[in-house]
């Protein structure tokens, strides 16, 4: 299955535009194309510079491949959450250890 749509093509700012124009002048169309972003809405209000219109065709993956990608993304997210949680837990355990190591006169830990 495929999706076909039309979007406005933009270069993100004047600096990128300079490089975009240089790439085109040198005949590096594929490099210039990498500097282009596409949007369904007007991005000129945030400084993007309109350079044209793009006709986009998206060849969709098989639904099973899409599902596999979703599962992989969720598993990666879970792994990151677990790692972040472990960092926070280790900081708490470190604080507990430091407090338990303190010696207070007349107080037992």
C-alpha atoms as a PDB file:
ATOM      1  CA  UNK A   1       0.000   0.000   0.000  1.00  0.00           C
ATOM      2  CA  UNK A   2       1.169   3.545  -0.574  1.00  0.00           C
ATOM      3  CA  UNK A   3       0.257   7.078   0.424  1.00  0.00           C
ATOM      4  CA  UNK A   4       0.631  10.003  -1.962  1.00  0.00           C
ATOM      5  CA  UNK A   5       0.460  13.591  -0.785  1.00  0.00           C
ATOM      6  CA  UNK A   6       1.718  17.098  -1.501  1.00  0.00           C
ATOM      7  CA  UNK A   7       3.658  19.142   1.050  1.00  0.00           C
ATOM      8  CA  UNK A   8       5.405  22.501   1.126  1.00  0.00           C
ATOM      9  CA  UNK A   9       9.194  22.241   0.967  1.00  0.00           C
ATOM     10  CA  UNK A  10      11.247  24.490   3.249  1.00  0.00           C
ATOM     11  CA  UNK A  11      14.848  25.220   4.162  1.00  0.00           C
ATOM     12  CA  UNK A  12      15.063  25.876   7.881  1.00  0.00           C
ATOM     13  CA  UNK A  13      17.004  29.172   8.005  1.00  0.00           C
ATOM     14  CA  UNK A  14      19.248  31.602   6.100  1.00  0.00           C
ATOM     15  CA  UNK A  15      22.389  29.658   7.004  1.00  0.00           C
ATOM     16  CA  UNK A  16      20.929  26.438   5.584  1.00  0.00           C
ATOM     17  CA  UNK A  17      19.635  28.396   2.594  1.00  0.00           C
ATOM     18  CA  UNK A  18      23.155  29.583   1.773  1.00  0.00           C
ATOM     19  CA  UNK A  19      24.425  25.997   1.813  1.00  0.00           C
ATOM     20  CA  UNK A  20      21.344  24.844  -0.121  1.00  0.00           C
ATOM     21  CA  UNK A  21      22.006  27.391  -2.897  1.00  0.00           C
ATOM     22  CA  UNK A  22      25.722  26.492  -2.962  1.00  0.00           C
ATOM     23  CA  UNK A  23      24.904  22.800  -3.272  1.00  0.00           C
ATOM     24  CA  UNK A  24      22.532  23.475  -6.162  1.00  0.00           C
ATOM     25  CA  UNK A  25      25.105  25.713  -7.906  1.00  0.00           C
ATOM     26  CA  UNK A  26      27.685  22.916  -7.641  1.00  0.00           C
ATOM     27  CA  UNK A  27      25.215  20.385  -9.060  1.00  0.00           C
ATOM     28  CA  UNK A  28      24.895  18.526  -5.749  1.00  0.00           C
ATOM     29  CA  UNK A  29      21.123  18.088  -5.918  1.00  0.00           C
ATOM     30  CA  UNK A  30      21.087  15.071  -3.581  1.00  0.00           C
ATOM     31  CA  UNK A  31      23.020  17.009  -0.908  1.00  0.00           C
ATOM     32  CA  UNK A  32      20.740  20.029  -1.395  1.00  0.00           C
ATOM     33  CA  UNK A  33      17.707  17.774  -1.016  1.00  0.00           C
ATOM     34  CA  UNK A  34      18.949  16.665   2.420  1.00  0.00           C
ATOM     35  CA  UNK A  35      18.646  20.291   3.586  1.00  0.00           C
ATOM     36  CA  UNK A  36      14.930  20.400   2.724  1.00  0.00           C
ATOM     37  CA  UNK A  37      12.145  19.738   5.240  1.00  0.00           C
ATOM     38  CA  UNK A  38       8.504  19.141   4.395  1.00  0.00           C
ATOM     39  CA  UNK A  39       5.432  20.376   6.222  1.00  0.00           C
ATOM     40  CA  UNK A  40       1.666  20.303   5.823  1.00  0.00           C
ATOM     41  CA  UNK A  41       1.368  23.734   7.435  1.00  0.00           C
ATOM     42  CA  UNK A  42       2.974  27.144   6.998  1.00  0.00           C
ATOM     43  CA  UNK A  43       6.387  27.196   8.687  1.00  0.00           C
ATOM     44  CA  UNK A  44       7.412  30.669   7.512  1.00  0.00           C
ATOM     45  CA  UNK A  45       6.269  32.142  10.838  1.00  0.00           C
ATOM     46  CA  UNK A  46       9.145  30.296  12.556  1.00  0.00           C
ATOM     47  CA  UNK A  47      11.730  31.432  10.018  1.00  0.00           C
ATOM     48  CA  UNK A  48      11.666  28.549   7.566  1.00  0.00           C
ATOM     49  CA  UNK A  49      12.085  29.596   3.930  1.00  0.00           C
ATOM     50  CA  UNK A  50       9.743  28.126   1.339  1.00  0.00           C
ATOM     51  CA  UNK A  51      11.647  26.625  -1.613  1.00  0.00           C
ATOM     52  CA  UNK A  52       8.926  24.680  -3.407  1.00  0.00           C
ATOM     53  CA  UNK A  53       6.310  21.989  -3.338  1.00  0.00           C
ATOM     54  CA  UNK A  54       6.994  18.294  -2.887  1.00  0.00           C
ATOM     55  CA  UNK A  55       4.960  15.407  -4.198  1.00  0.00           C
ATOM     56  CA  UNK A  56       5.620  12.609  -1.751  1.00  0.00           C
ATOM     57  CA  UNK A  57       4.936   8.914  -2.176  1.00  0.00           C
ATOM     58  CA  UNK A  58       5.313   6.669   0.866  1.00  0.00           C
ATOM     59  CA  UNK A  59       5.512   2.937   0.241  1.00  0.00           C
ATOM     60  CA  UNK A  60       4.155   1.507   3.482  1.00  0.00           C
ATOM     61  CA  UNK A  61       5.770  -1.497   5.096  1.00  0.00           C
ATOM     62  CA  UNK A  62       3.903  -4.721   5.634  1.00  0.00           C
ATOM     63  CA  UNK A  63       1.679  -4.427   8.751  1.00  0.00           C
ATOM     64  CA  UNK A  64       3.762  -7.102  10.525  1.00  0.00           C
ATOM     65  CA  UNK A  65       6.928  -5.051   9.942  1.00  0.00           C
ATOM     66  CA  UNK A  66       5.195  -1.961  11.319  1.00  0.00           C
ATOM     67  CA  UNK A  67       4.097  -3.934  14.388  1.00  0.00           C
ATOM     68  CA  UNK A  68       7.659  -5.217  14.856  1.00  0.00           C
ATOM     69  CA  UNK A  69       8.935  -1.634  14.706  1.00  0.00           C
ATOM     70  CA  UNK A  70       6.386  -0.503  17.281  1.00  0.00           C
ATOM     71  CA  UNK A  71       7.360  -3.341  19.617  1.00  0.00           C
ATOM     72  CA  UNK A  72      11.074  -2.597  19.210  1.00  0.00           C
ATOM     73  CA  UNK A  73      10.483   1.090  19.976  1.00  0.00           C
ATOM     74  CA  UNK A  74       8.474   0.247  23.097  1.00  0.00           C
ATOM     75  CA  UNK A  75      11.104  -2.235  24.275  1.00  0.00           C
ATOM     76  CA  UNK A  76      13.832   0.388  23.796  1.00  0.00           C
ATOM     77  CA  UNK A  77      11.741   2.921  25.692  1.00  0.00           C
ATOM     78  CA  UNK A  78      11.213   0.425  28.530  1.00  0.00           C
ATOM     79  CA  UNK A  79      14.946  -0.311  28.669  1.00  0.00           C
ATOM     80  CA  UNK A  80      15.727   3.427  28.875  1.00  0.00           C
ATOM     81  CA  UNK A  81      13.113   3.929  31.615  1.00  0.00           C
ATOM     82  CA  UNK A  82      14.592   1.042  33.585  1.00  0.00           C
ATOM     83  CA  UNK A  83      18.121   2.447  33.231  1.00  0.00           C
ATOM     84  CA  UNK A  84      16.983   5.944  34.250  1.00  0.00           C
ATOM     85  CA  UNK A  85      15.136   4.489  37.230  1.00  0.00           C
ATOM     86  CA  UNK A  86      18.227   2.531  38.259  1.00  0.00           C
ATOM     87  CA  UNK A  87      20.313   5.728  38.195  1.00  0.00           C
ATOM     88  CA  UNK A  88      17.780   7.446  40.483  1.00  0.00           C
ATOM     89  CA  UNK A  89      17.652   4.424  42.805  1.00  0.00           C
ATOM     90  CA  UNK A  90      21.452   4.310  42.998  1.00  0.00           C
ATOM     91  CA  UNK A  91      21.536   7.991  43.969  1.00  0.00           C
ATOM     92  CA  UNK A  92      19.037   7.327  46.772  1.00  0.00           C
ATOM     93  CA  UNK A  93      20.988   4.272  47.960  1.00  0.00           C
ATOM     94  CA  UNK A  94      24.187   6.347  47.926  1.00  0.00           C
ATOM     95  CA  UNK A  95      22.534   9.050  50.044  1.00  0.00           C
ATOM     96  CA  UNK A  96      21.294   6.399  52.490  1.00  0.00           C
ATOM     97  CA  UNK A  97      24.802   4.903  52.728  1.00  0.00           C
ATOM     98  CA  UNK A  98      26.364   8.277  53.395  1.00  0.00           C
ATOM     99  CA  UNK A  99      23.827   9.031  56.114  1.00  0.00           C
ATOM    100  CA  UNK A 100      24.340   5.632  57.737  1.00  0.00           C
ATOM    101  CA  UNK A 101      28.114   6.179  57.712  1.00  0.00           C
ATOM    102  CA  UNK A 102      27.824   9.387  59.731  1.00  0.00           C
ATOM    103  CA  UNK A 103      28.681   9.065  63.357  1.00  0.00           C
ATOM    104  CA  UNK A 104      26.582  11.126  65.695  1.00  0.00           C
ATOM    105  CA  UNK A 105      27.487  11.396  69.301  1.00  0.00           C
ATOM    106  CA  UNK A 106      24.979   9.477  71.369  1.00  0.00           C
ATOM    107  CA  UNK A 107      23.021   8.232  68.347  1.00  0.00           C
ATOM    108  CA  UNK A 108      23.208   4.776  66.783  1.00  0.00           C
ATOM    109  CA  UNK A 109      22.677   4.339  63.051  1.00  0.00           C
END
